[in-house]
Amino acid sequence: MSHMLIDYYKAIEDSSVKMLRAAQQENWDEVVRHEGACAVLIEQLRHQSQTEQLTAEHRKEKARIMQRILRNDAEIRCLTEPWLTQFEYMMESRPQLLH
């Protein structure tokens, strides 16, 4: 049963790789799309992990997967930071509208 649980981690890693590739290409719509997919997978993982546990071998594999996901995330943040800074500047220079 734990094989299915580790598959969620693998799918999250795959999605993080796709996010990184999209960020490298400055395709922010794709980054957001894959980020949404990650969020869904993480929620499914949370739900599934309430009834399943990883084997010792899969816990080691999970640790390796998580390290790769964190590296991908760090690279994505480095790539998106200039874009976010530019976006914030654009938003600050727009007049504020009150509704």
Protein backbone atom coordinates (compact mmCIF):
# COMPACT_ATOMS: atom_id res chain seq x y z
CA MET A 1 0.00 0.00 0.00
CA SER A 2 2.87 2.44 0.69
CA HIS A 3 3.93 2.25 -2.95
CA MET A 4 0.93 4.40 -3.81
CA LEU A 5 1.91 6.99 -1.21
CA ILE A 6 5.46 7.35 -2.57
CA ASP A 7 3.94 7.89 -6.01
CA TYR A 8 2.44 11.16 -4.75
CA TYR A 9 5.93 12.37 -3.80
CA LYS A 10 7.21 11.38 -7.23
CA ALA A 11 4.35 13.19 -8.94
CA ILE A 12 4.98 16.33 -6.87
CA GLU A 13 8.65 16.18 -7.83
CA ASP A 14 7.71 15.78 -11.50
CA SER A 15 5.44 18.80 -11.27
CA SER A 16 8.20 20.83 -9.58
CA VAL A 17 10.56 19.95 -12.44
CA LYS A 18 7.94 21.19 -14.92
CA MET A 19 7.55 24.38 -12.89
CA LEU A 20 11.31 24.93 -13.00
CA ARG A 21 11.46 24.39 -16.76
CA ALA A 22 8.60 26.84 -17.27
CA ALA A 23 10.29 29.41 -15.02
CA GLN A 24 13.54 29.02 -16.96
CA GLN A 25 11.55 29.82 -20.11
CA GLU A 26 9.79 32.71 -18.31
CA ASN A 27 6.47 31.04 -19.03
CA TRP A 28 4.72 32.28 -15.89
CA ASP A 29 1.31 30.92 -16.88
CA GLU A 30 2.79 27.42 -16.99
CA VAL A 31 4.53 27.98 -13.66
CA VAL A 32 1.18 28.86 -12.12
CA ARG A 33 -0.52 25.89 -13.79
CA HIS A 34 2.04 23.42 -12.44
CA GLU A 35 1.97 25.10 -9.05
CA GLY A 36 -1.78 24.42 -8.97
CA ALA A 37 -1.16 20.79 -9.88
CA CYS A 38 1.35 20.56 -7.02
CA ALA A 39 -1.22 21.98 -4.60
CA VAL A 40 -3.77 19.35 -5.63
CA LEU A 41 -1.21 16.54 -5.29
CA ILE A 42 -0.11 17.80 -1.87
CA GLU A 43 -3.71 17.82 -0.67
CA GLN A 44 -4.22 14.28 -2.00
CA LEU A 45 -0.99 13.22 -0.28
CA ARG A 46 -2.19 14.70 3.02
CA HIS A 47 -5.44 12.79 2.75
CA GLN A 48 -3.79 9.51 1.73
CA SER A 49 -1.11 9.75 4.43
CA GLN A 50 -3.80 9.64 7.12
CA THR A 51 -4.46 5.99 6.28
CA GLU A 52 -1.10 4.85 4.88
CA GLN A 53 2.49 4.90 6.03
CA LEU A 54 5.72 4.66 4.09
CA THR A 55 8.06 1.73 4.54
CA ALA A 56 11.57 2.46 5.82
CA GLU A 57 12.91 2.19 2.27
CA HIS A 58 10.28 4.58 0.95
CA ARG A 59 10.99 7.05 3.79
CA LYS A 60 14.60 7.22 2.56
CA GLU A 61 13.38 7.71 -1.00
CA LYS A 62 10.97 10.40 0.21
CA ALA A 63 13.88 12.28 1.82
CA ARG A 64 15.81 12.24 -1.46
CA ILE A 65 12.74 13.37 -3.40
CA MET A 66 12.06 16.18 -0.92
CA GLN A 67 15.64 17.43 -1.25
CA ARG A 68 15.26 17.59 -5.03
CA ILE A 69 11.91 19.38 -4.70
CA LEU A 70 13.47 21.94 -2.35
CA ARG A 71 16.35 22.52 -4.79
CA ASN A 72 13.85 23.01 -7.62
CA ASP A 73 11.85 25.39 -5.45
CA ALA A 74 14.96 27.44 -4.62
CA GLU A 75 15.85 27.74 -8.30
CA ILE A 76 12.28 28.73 -9.17
CA ARG A 77 12.35 31.42 -6.49
CA CYS A 78 15.61 32.83 -7.87
CA LEU A 79 14.07 32.96 -11.34
CA THR A 80 10.76 34.47 -10.24
CA GLU A 81 12.18 37.07 -7.88
CA PRO A 82 13.05 39.61 -10.61
CA TRP A 83 9.63 39.08 -12.20
CA LEU A 84 7.85 39.55 -8.87
CA THR A 85 9.87 42.68 -8.12
CA GLN A 86 8.89 44.12 -11.51
CA PHE A 87 5.25 43.16 -10.93
CA GLU A 88 5.24 44.86 -7.49
CA TYR A 89 6.74 47.99 -9.01
CA MET A 90 4.05 48.04 -11.68
CA MET A 91 1.31 47.64 -9.09
CA GLU A 92 2.74 50.38 -6.87
CA SER A 93 2.88 52.85 -9.76
CA ARG A 94 -0.79 52.31 -10.64
CA PRO A 95 -3.26 54.69 -9.05
CA GLN A 96 -5.30 53.09 -6.29
CA LEU A 97 -9.01 52.81 -6.99
CA LEU A 98 -11.52 52.68 -4.19
CA HIS A 99 -14.69 50.71 -4.73
